[in-house]
Amino acid sequence: MKPGDLVRNKSSESGILGLFIGMRTFVNKHPIQDHRVDYVCAEVMWADNPFGNVISTIQTNLLEVISESR
């Protein structure tokens, strides 16, 4: 996926569509062990989000590319 791709949420019953913005990394330090625990997910601007959020994060494996940007 690359920024600007039209994507579909595979886990949505309505098949909600959105524009892929990019990847986001959340960095956390493990509370007991002395190492980083990073979580990487996709940021998407949804066309019609029923929850009211315009841009949100989602697991990358839950997205399907419908149309690639040029």
C-alpha atoms as a PDB file:
ATOM      1  CA  MET A   1       0.000   0.000   0.000  1.00  0.00           C
ATOM      2  CA  LYS A   2       1.056   3.540  -0.668  1.00  0.00           C
ATOM      3  CA  PRO A   3      -0.442   6.888   0.338  1.00  0.00           C
ATOM      4  CA  GLY A   4      -3.469   7.762  -1.759  1.00  0.00           C
ATOM      5  CA  ASP A   5      -4.600   4.180  -2.396  1.00  0.00           C
ATOM      6  CA  LEU A   6      -8.338   3.559  -2.068  1.00  0.00           C
ATOM      7  CA  VAL A   7      -8.827   0.818   0.534  1.00  0.00           C
ATOM      8  CA  ARG A   8     -11.713  -1.203   1.938  1.00  0.00           C
ATOM      9  CA  ASN A   9     -12.111  -2.385   5.527  1.00  0.00           C
ATOM     10  CA  LYS A  10     -12.443  -6.173   5.131  1.00  0.00           C
ATOM     11  CA  SER A  11     -13.929  -6.572   8.617  1.00  0.00           C
ATOM     12  CA  SER A  12     -16.728  -4.038   8.023  1.00  0.00           C
ATOM     13  CA  GLU A  13     -20.153  -5.409   7.101  1.00  0.00           C
ATOM     14  CA  SER A  14     -20.769  -2.386   4.872  1.00  0.00           C
ATOM     15  CA  GLY A  15     -17.302  -2.558   3.277  1.00  0.00           C
ATOM     16  CA  ILE A  16     -16.456   1.015   4.259  1.00  0.00           C
ATOM     17  CA  LEU A  17     -13.972   2.738   1.926  1.00  0.00           C
ATOM     18  CA  GLY A  18     -11.185   5.169   2.693  1.00  0.00           C
ATOM     19  CA  LEU A  19      -7.879   6.646   1.561  1.00  0.00           C
ATOM     20  CA  PHE A  20      -4.694   5.102   2.906  1.00  0.00           C
ATOM     21  CA  ILE A  21      -2.587   7.886   4.449  1.00  0.00           C
ATOM     22  CA  GLY A  22       0.436   5.950   5.656  1.00  0.00           C
ATOM     23  CA  MET A  23       1.859   3.772   8.386  1.00  0.00           C
ATOM     24  CA  ARG A  24       1.972   4.851  12.028  1.00  0.00           C
ATOM     25  CA  THR A  25       4.326   3.436  14.650  1.00  0.00           C
ATOM     26  CA  PHE A  26       3.439   3.468  18.329  1.00  0.00           C
ATOM     27  CA  VAL A  27       6.588   3.149  20.436  1.00  0.00           C
ATOM     28  CA  ASN A  28       6.387   1.745  23.942  1.00  0.00           C
ATOM     29  CA  LYS A  29       9.062   0.652  26.317  1.00  0.00           C
ATOM     30  CA  HIS A  30       8.313  -2.706  27.921  1.00  0.00           C
ATOM     31  CA  PRO A  31       7.528  -2.049  31.612  1.00  0.00           C
ATOM     32  CA  ILE A  32       9.565  -4.963  32.968  1.00  0.00           C
ATOM     33  CA  GLN A  33      12.139  -5.832  30.333  1.00  0.00           C
ATOM     34  CA  ASP A  34      14.455  -3.162  29.013  1.00  0.00           C
ATOM     35  CA  HIS A  35      13.476  -3.112  25.344  1.00  0.00           C
ATOM     36  CA  ARG A  36      11.093  -1.350  22.991  1.00  0.00           C
ATOM     37  CA  VAL A  37       7.790  -2.863  21.941  1.00  0.00           C
ATOM     38  CA  ASP A  38       6.637  -1.159  18.740  1.00  0.00           C
ATOM     39  CA  TYR A  39       3.237  -1.520  17.101  1.00  0.00           C
ATOM     40  CA  VAL A  40       2.815  -0.515  13.455  1.00  0.00           C
ATOM     41  CA  CYS A  41      -0.595   0.024  11.878  1.00  0.00           C
ATOM     42  CA  ALA A  42      -2.204   1.845   8.973  1.00  0.00           C
ATOM     43  CA  GLU A  43      -3.806   5.297   9.109  1.00  0.00           C
ATOM     44  CA  VAL A  44      -6.874   5.717   6.915  1.00  0.00           C
ATOM     45  CA  MET A  45      -9.164   8.662   6.162  1.00  0.00           C
ATOM     46  CA  TRP A  46     -12.592   7.046   5.944  1.00  0.00           C
ATOM     47  CA  ALA A  47     -15.162   8.273   3.431  1.00  0.00           C
ATOM     48  CA  ASP A  48     -18.159   7.720   5.723  1.00  0.00           C
ATOM     49  CA  ASN A  49     -17.203   6.513   9.182  1.00  0.00           C
ATOM     50  CA  PRO A  50     -20.261   5.684  11.313  1.00  0.00           C
ATOM     51  CA  PHE A  51     -18.256   6.446  14.477  1.00  0.00           C
ATOM     52  CA  GLY A  52     -17.571  10.029  13.442  1.00  0.00           C
ATOM     53  CA  ASN A  53     -13.761   9.791  13.231  1.00  0.00           C
ATOM     54  CA  VAL A  54     -12.399  11.056   9.944  1.00  0.00           C
ATOM     55  CA  ILE A  55      -8.903   9.571  10.324  1.00  0.00           C
ATOM     56  CA  SER A  56      -8.242   6.445  12.348  1.00  0.00           C
ATOM     57  CA  THR A  57      -5.782   3.595  12.690  1.00  0.00           C
ATOM     58  CA  ILE A  58      -6.465   0.000  11.674  1.00  0.00           C
ATOM     59  CA  GLN A  59      -4.536  -3.253  11.446  1.00  0.00           C
ATOM     60  CA  THR A  60      -2.963  -3.459   7.996  1.00  0.00           C
ATOM     61  CA  ASN A  61      -4.172  -7.029   7.438  1.00  0.00           C
ATOM     62  CA  LEU A  62      -7.778  -5.793   7.687  1.00  0.00           C
ATOM     63  CA  LEU A  63      -7.376  -3.587   4.594  1.00  0.00           C
ATOM     64  CA  GLU A  64      -7.806  -4.465   0.942  1.00  0.00           C
ATOM     65  CA  VAL A  65      -6.541  -2.154  -1.814  1.00  0.00           C
ATOM     66  CA  ILE A  66      -9.398  -1.338  -4.204  1.00  0.00           C
ATOM     67  CA  SER A  67      -7.599   1.149  -6.447  1.00  0.00           C
ATOM     68  CA  GLU A  68      -3.947   2.160  -6.457  1.00  0.00           C
ATOM     69  CA  SER A  69      -2.979   5.835  -6.579  1.00  0.00           C
ATOM     70  CA  ARG A  70      -0.953   7.067  -9.545  1.00  0.00           C
END
